[in-house]
Structures are given as structure tokens and as C-alpha cells.
Amino acid sequence: VIGGETPEGICLSAFQSLLPDLRVLIYGGSLPWMKDPDTAIVACPDPENPVVFELRRAKE
């Protein structure tokens, strides 16, 4: 995220649903229900345009 804008092509509602899990991954945490500690699966809340995102922590 640069300058307060969402990444191109992602609506605000979808991006807002990603933020909690994205923060966990950015700051080194993991989600206890995920088999891979470097991933998160997040569903968009829009019932008209269902999308499921897979977030992956980038290896440095």
C-alpha cells in the first residue's frame, strides 16, 4: 500500500478483509488454523463477486 491507495484492481471492501491477516504475516505471526505458517486464506465479503485470496509471506 502506497499513499493510502489500495492495490490496483482490489476494491476497498476486499482489501479491508485482507488487512487483519496481512498484518499478522507482515509482523512475523502465523494463523494457528493454517497448515503453512506463511499463508492465510481470506474470502471477500461481497456476495455478488465471490473471490478467495491466498496471502503468502515473501521469503527474504
PDB file of N, CA and C in Angstrom:
ATOM      1  N   VAL A   1       0.853  -1.166   0.000  1.00  0.00           N
ATOM      2  CA  VAL A   1       0.000   0.000   0.000  1.00  0.00           C
ATOM      3  C   VAL A   1       0.897   1.227   0.000  1.00  0.00           C
ATOM      4  N   ILE A   2       0.665   2.080  -0.975  1.00  0.00           N
ATOM      5  CA  ILE A   2       1.470   3.293  -1.092  1.00  0.00           C
ATOM      6  C   ILE A   2       0.538   4.487  -1.153  1.00  0.00           C
ATOM      7  N   GLY A   3       0.769   5.467  -0.313  1.00  0.00           N
ATOM      8  CA  GLY A   3      -0.017   6.693  -0.355  1.00  0.00           C
ATOM      9  C   GLY A   3      -1.482   6.529  -0.017  1.00  0.00           C
ATOM     10  N   GLY A   4      -1.831   5.547   0.782  1.00  0.00           N
ATOM     11  CA  GLY A   4      -3.210   5.377   1.197  1.00  0.00           C
ATOM     12  C   GLY A   4      -4.129   4.793   0.139  1.00  0.00           C
ATOM     13  N   GLU A   5      -3.590   4.279  -0.947  1.00  0.00           N
ATOM     14  CA  GLU A   5      -4.388   3.685  -2.022  1.00  0.00           C
ATOM     15  C   GLU A   5      -4.348   2.162  -1.916  1.00  0.00           C
ATOM     16  N   THR A   6      -5.463   1.527  -2.240  1.00  0.00           N
ATOM     17  CA  THR A   6      -5.451   0.067  -2.289  1.00  0.00           C
ATOM     18  C   THR A   6      -4.700  -0.376  -3.538  1.00  0.00           C
ATOM     19  N   PRO A   7      -4.176  -1.597  -3.535  1.00  0.00           N
ATOM     20  CA  PRO A   7      -3.514  -2.092  -4.745  1.00  0.00           C
ATOM     21  C   PRO A   7      -4.485  -2.075  -5.926  1.00  0.00           C
ATOM     22  N   GLU A   8      -3.971  -1.845  -7.102  1.00  0.00           N
ATOM     23  CA  GLU A   8      -4.800  -1.746  -8.303  1.00  0.00           C
ATOM     24  C   GLU A   8      -5.650  -3.002  -8.486  1.00  0.00           C
ATOM     25  N   GLY A   9      -6.929  -2.796  -8.753  1.00  0.00           N
ATOM     26  CA  GLY A   9      -7.834  -3.901  -9.033  1.00  0.00           C
ATOM     27  C   GLY A   9      -8.504  -4.509  -7.812  1.00  0.00           C
ATOM     28  N   ILE A  10      -8.196  -4.024  -6.619  1.00  0.00           N
ATOM     29  CA  ILE A  10      -8.817  -4.568  -5.409  1.00  0.00           C
ATOM     30  C   ILE A  10      -9.714  -3.491  -4.810  1.00  0.00           C
ATOM     31  N   CYS A  11     -10.991  -3.821  -4.632  1.00  0.00           N
ATOM     32  CA  CYS A  11     -11.913  -2.846  -4.048  1.00  0.00           C
ATOM     33  C   CYS A  11     -11.622  -2.689  -2.554  1.00  0.00           C
ATOM     34  N   LEU A  12     -12.123  -1.619  -1.986  1.00  0.00           N
ATOM     35  CA  LEU A  12     -11.855  -1.312  -0.588  1.00  0.00           C
ATOM     36  C   LEU A  12     -12.381  -2.398   0.347  1.00  0.00           C
ATOM     37  N   SER A  13     -13.553  -2.955   0.068  1.00  0.00           N
ATOM     38  CA  SER A  13     -14.116  -3.999   0.939  1.00  0.00           C
ATOM     39  C   SER A  13     -13.241  -5.241   0.957  1.00  0.00           C
ATOM     40  N   ALA A  14     -12.770  -5.645  -0.207  1.00  0.00           N
ATOM     41  CA  ALA A  14     -11.894  -6.816  -0.273  1.00  0.00           C
ATOM     42  C   ALA A  14     -10.585  -6.533   0.450  1.00  0.00           C
ATOM     43  N   PHE A  15     -10.011  -5.369   0.214  1.00  0.00           N
ATOM     44  CA  PHE A  15      -8.737  -5.031   0.846  1.00  0.00           C
ATOM     45  C   PHE A  15      -8.890  -4.958   2.360  1.00  0.00           C
ATOM     46  N   GLN A  16      -9.997  -4.398   2.819  1.00  0.00           N
ATOM     47  CA  GLN A  16     -10.243  -4.301   4.256  1.00  0.00           C
ATOM     48  C   GLN A  16     -10.340  -5.693   4.889  1.00  0.00           C
ATOM     49  N   SER A  17     -10.892  -6.662   4.171  1.00  0.00           N
ATOM     50  CA  SER A  17     -10.980  -8.016   4.714  1.00  0.00           C
ATOM     51  C   SER A  17      -9.611  -8.695   4.776  1.00  0.00           C
ATOM     52  N   LEU A  18      -8.662  -8.259   3.927  1.00  0.00           N
ATOM     53  CA  LEU A  18      -7.312  -8.828   3.923  1.00  0.00           C
ATOM     54  C   LEU A  18      -6.436  -8.284   5.051  1.00  0.00           C
ATOM     55  N   LEU A  19      -6.672  -7.044   5.457  1.00  0.00           N
ATOM     56  CA  LEU A  19      -5.757  -6.350   6.367  1.00  0.00           C
ATOM     57  C   LEU A  19      -5.426  -7.083   7.671  1.00  0.00           C
ATOM     58  N   PRO A  20      -6.388  -7.642   8.409  1.00  0.00           N
ATOM     59  CA  PRO A  20      -6.010  -8.297   9.665  1.00  0.00           C
ATOM     60  C   PRO A  20      -5.001  -9.434   9.471  1.00  0.00           C
ATOM     61  N   ASP A  21      -5.253 -10.314   8.516  1.00  0.00           N
ATOM     62  CA  ASP A  21      -4.332 -11.435   8.292  1.00  0.00           C
ATOM     63  C   ASP A  21      -3.039 -10.966   7.641  1.00  0.00           C
ATOM     64  N   LEU A  22      -3.128  -9.942   6.828  1.00  0.00           N
ATOM     65  CA  LEU A  22      -1.930  -9.377   6.207  1.00  0.00           C
ATOM     66  C   LEU A  22      -0.986  -8.837   7.277  1.00  0.00           C
ATOM     67  N   ARG A  23      -1.532  -8.146   8.252  1.00  0.00           N
ATOM     68  CA  ARG A  23      -0.701  -7.620   9.349  1.00  0.00           C
ATOM     69  C   ARG A  23      -0.036  -8.749  10.135  1.00  0.00           C
ATOM     70  N   VAL A  24      -0.775  -9.822  10.375  1.00  0.00           N
ATOM     71  CA  VAL A  24      -0.197 -10.970  11.084  1.00  0.00           C
ATOM     72  C   VAL A  24       1.036 -11.471  10.339  1.00  0.00           C
ATOM     73  N   LEU A  25       0.907 -11.671   9.032  1.00  0.00           N
ATOM     74  CA  LEU A  25       2.027 -12.193   8.243  1.00  0.00           C
ATOM     75  C   LEU A  25       3.180 -11.196   8.161  1.00  0.00           C
ATOM     76  N   ILE A  26       2.880  -9.918   7.985  1.00  0.00           N
ATOM     77  CA  ILE A  26       3.929  -8.897   7.879  1.00  0.00           C
ATOM     78  C   ILE A  26       4.784  -8.858   9.142  1.00  0.00           C
ATOM     79  N   TYR A  27       4.161  -8.986  10.300  1.00  0.00           N
ATOM     80  CA  TYR A  27       4.891  -8.846  11.559  1.00  0.00           C
ATOM     81  C   TYR A  27       5.356 -10.175  12.148  1.00  0.00           C
ATOM     82  N   GLY A  28       5.416 -11.220  11.320  1.00  0.00           N
ATOM     83  CA  GLY A  28       6.040 -12.473  11.733  1.00  0.00           C
ATOM     84  C   GLY A  28       5.144 -13.476  12.416  1.00  0.00           C
ATOM     85  N   GLY A  29       3.870 -13.172  12.539  1.00  0.00           N
ATOM     86  CA  GLY A  29       2.951 -14.098  13.182  1.00  0.00           C
ATOM     87  C   GLY A  29       2.453 -15.157  12.216  1.00  0.00           C
ATOM     88  N   SER A  30       1.629 -16.047  12.739  1.00  0.00           N
ATOM     89  CA  SER A  30       1.008 -17.072  11.900  1.00  0.00           C
ATOM     90  C   SER A  30      -0.398 -17.329  12.416  1.00  0.00           C
ATOM     91  N   LEU A  31      -1.206 -17.918  11.575  1.00  0.00           N
ATOM     92  CA  LEU A  31      -2.583 -18.238  11.932  1.00  0.00           C
ATOM     93  C   LEU A  31      -2.624 -19.704  12.358  1.00  0.00           C
ATOM     94  N   PRO A  32      -3.032 -20.016  13.592  1.00  0.00           N
ATOM     95  CA  PRO A  32      -2.918 -21.376  14.116  1.00  0.00           C
ATOM     96  C   PRO A  32      -3.721 -22.424  13.348  1.00  0.00           C
ATOM     97  N   TRP A  33      -4.733 -22.032  12.594  1.00  0.00           N
ATOM     98  CA  TRP A  33      -5.541 -22.992  11.847  1.00  0.00           C
ATOM     99  C   TRP A  33      -4.978 -23.298  10.461  1.00  0.00           C
ATOM    100  N   MET A  34      -3.929 -22.597  10.054  1.00  0.00           N
ATOM    101  CA  MET A  34      -3.318 -22.836   8.741  1.00  0.00           C
ATOM    102  C   MET A  34      -2.177 -23.850   8.882  1.00  0.00           C
ATOM    103  N   LYS A  35      -2.098 -24.807   7.953  1.00  0.00           N
ATOM    104  CA  LYS A  35      -1.008 -25.791   7.975  1.00  0.00           C
ATOM    105  C   LYS A  35       0.331 -25.133   7.685  1.00  0.00           C
ATOM    106  N   ASP A  36       0.348 -24.174   6.756  1.00  0.00           N
ATOM    107  CA  ASP A  36       1.569 -23.454   6.406  1.00  0.00           C
ATOM    108  C   ASP A  36       1.579 -22.133   7.173  1.00  0.00           C
ATOM    109  N   PRO A  37       2.549 -21.909   8.063  1.00  0.00           N
ATOM    110  CA  PRO A  37       2.568 -20.679   8.853  1.00  0.00           C
ATOM    111  C   PRO A  37       2.827 -19.417   8.033  1.00  0.00           C
ATOM    112  N   ASP A  38       3.185 -19.566   6.776  1.00  0.00           N
ATOM    113  CA  ASP A  38       3.465 -18.418   5.914  1.00  0.00           C
ATOM    114  C   ASP A  38       2.306 -18.082   4.980  1.00  0.00           C
ATOM    115  N   THR A  39       1.115 -18.635   5.233  1.00  0.00           N
ATOM    116  CA  THR A  39      -0.028 -18.362   4.363  1.00  0.00           C
ATOM    117  C   THR A  39      -1.276 -17.991   5.166  1.00  0.00           C
ATOM    118  N   ALA A  40      -2.198 -17.355   4.467  1.00  0.00           N
ATOM    119  CA  ALA A  40      -3.523 -17.053   5.004  1.00  0.00           C
ATOM    120  C   ALA A  40      -4.502 -17.121   3.837  1.00  0.00           C
ATOM    121  N   ILE A  41      -5.687 -17.629   4.085  1.00  0.00           N
ATOM    122  CA  ILE A  41      -6.753 -17.683   3.091  1.00  0.00           C
ATOM    123  C   ILE A  41      -7.854 -16.739   3.569  1.00  0.00           C
ATOM    124  N   VAL A  42      -8.245 -15.809   2.703  1.00  0.00           N
ATOM    125  CA  VAL A  42      -9.235 -14.793   3.077  1.00  0.00           C
ATOM    126  C   VAL A  42     -10.285 -14.688   1.972  1.00  0.00           C
ATOM    127  N   ALA A  43     -11.561 -14.701   2.360  1.00  0.00           N
ATOM    128  CA  ALA A  43     -12.652 -14.563   1.397  1.00  0.00           C
ATOM    129  C   ALA A  43     -13.146 -13.121   1.368  1.00  0.00           C
ATOM    130  N   CYS A  44     -13.435 -12.637   0.185  1.00  0.00           N
ATOM    131  CA  CYS A  44     -14.020 -11.312   0.013  1.00  0.00           C
ATOM    132  C   CYS A  44     -15.457 -11.348   0.535  1.00  0.00           C
ATOM    133  N   PRO A  45     -15.915 -10.299   1.217  1.00  0.00           N
ATOM    134  CA  PRO A  45     -17.269 -10.301   1.766  1.00  0.00           C
ATOM    135  C   PRO A  45     -18.376  -9.988   0.754  1.00  0.00           C
ATOM    136  N   ASP A  46     -18.040  -9.692  -0.485  1.00  0.00           N
ATOM    137  CA  ASP A  46     -19.039  -9.319  -1.492  1.00  0.00           C
ATOM    138  C   ASP A  46     -19.749 -10.572  -2.019  1.00  0.00           C
ATOM    139  N   PRO A  47     -21.044 -10.755  -1.705  1.00  0.00           N
ATOM    140  CA  PRO A  47     -21.745 -11.959  -2.152  1.00  0.00           C
ATOM    141  C   PRO A  47     -22.003 -11.990  -3.664  1.00  0.00           C
ATOM    142  N   GLU A  48     -21.944 -10.851  -4.323  1.00  0.00           N
ATOM    143  CA  GLU A  48     -22.174 -10.795  -5.769  1.00  0.00           C
ATOM    144  C   GLU A  48     -20.924 -11.150  -6.574  1.00  0.00           C
ATOM    145  N   ASN A  49     -19.757 -11.005  -5.976  1.00  0.00           N
ATOM    146  CA  ASN A  49     -18.484 -11.262  -6.655  1.00  0.00           C
ATOM    147  C   ASN A  49     -17.553 -12.040  -5.731  1.00  0.00           C
ATOM    148  N   PRO A  50     -17.866 -13.317  -5.468  1.00  0.00           N
ATOM    149  CA  PRO A  50     -17.054 -14.068  -4.516  1.00  0.00           C
ATOM    150  C   PRO A  50     -15.628 -14.298  -5.026  1.00  0.00           C
ATOM    151  N   VAL A  51     -14.678 -13.927  -4.195  1.00  0.00           N
ATOM    152  CA  VAL A  51     -13.262 -14.112  -4.501  1.00  0.00           C
ATOM    153  C   VAL A  51     -12.587 -14.614  -3.234  1.00  0.00           C
ATOM    154  N   VAL A  52     -11.679 -15.574  -3.380  1.00  0.00           N
ATOM    155  CA  VAL A  52     -10.888 -16.057  -2.258  1.00  0.00           C
ATOM    156  C   VAL A  52      -9.434 -15.722  -2.548  1.00  0.00           C
ATOM    157  N   PHE A  53      -8.784 -15.062  -1.587  1.00  0.00           N
ATOM    158  CA  PHE A  53      -7.389 -14.653  -1.735  1.00  0.00           C
ATOM    159  C   PHE A  53      -6.493 -15.576  -0.916  1.00  0.00           C
ATOM    160  N   GLU A  54      -5.338 -15.901  -1.454  1.00  0.00           N
ATOM    161  CA  GLU A  54      -4.321 -16.594  -0.686  1.00  0.00           C
ATOM    162  C   GLU A  54      -3.168 -15.615  -0.485  1.00  0.00           C
ATOM    163  N   LEU A  55      -2.891 -15.310   0.768  1.00  0.00           N
ATOM    164  CA  LEU A  55      -1.774 -14.429   1.106  1.00  0.00           C
ATOM    165  C   LEU A  55      -0.583 -15.301   1.463  1.00  0.00           C
ATOM    166  N   ARG A  56       0.582 -14.955   0.950  1.00  0.00           N
ATOM    167  CA  ARG A  56       1.808 -15.690   1.267  1.00  0.00           C
ATOM    168  C   ARG A  56       2.869 -14.711   1.733  1.00  0.00           C
ATOM    169  N   ARG A  57       3.547 -15.088   2.813  1.00  0.00           N
ATOM    170  CA  ARG A  57       4.653 -14.277   3.307  1.00  0.00           C
ATOM    171  C   ARG A  57       5.831 -14.457   2.352  1.00  0.00           C
ATOM    172  N   ALA A  58       6.394 -13.357   1.884  1.00  0.00           N
ATOM    173  CA  ALA A  58       7.536 -13.410   0.962  1.00  0.00           C
ATOM    174  C   ALA A  58       8.794 -13.790   1.733  1.00  0.00           C
ATOM    175  N   LYS A  59       9.567 -14.683   1.165  1.00  0.00           N
ATOM    176  CA  LYS A  59      10.853 -15.061   1.756  1.00  0.00           C
ATOM    177  C   LYS A  59      11.880 -14.011   1.384  1.00  0.00           C
ATOM    178  N   GLU A  60      12.687 -13.610   2.339  1.00  0.00           N
ATOM    179  CA  GLU A  60      13.710 -12.596   2.051  1.00  0.00           C
ATOM    180  C   GLU A  60      14.963 -13.229   1.509  1.00  0.00           C
TER     181      GLU A  60
END
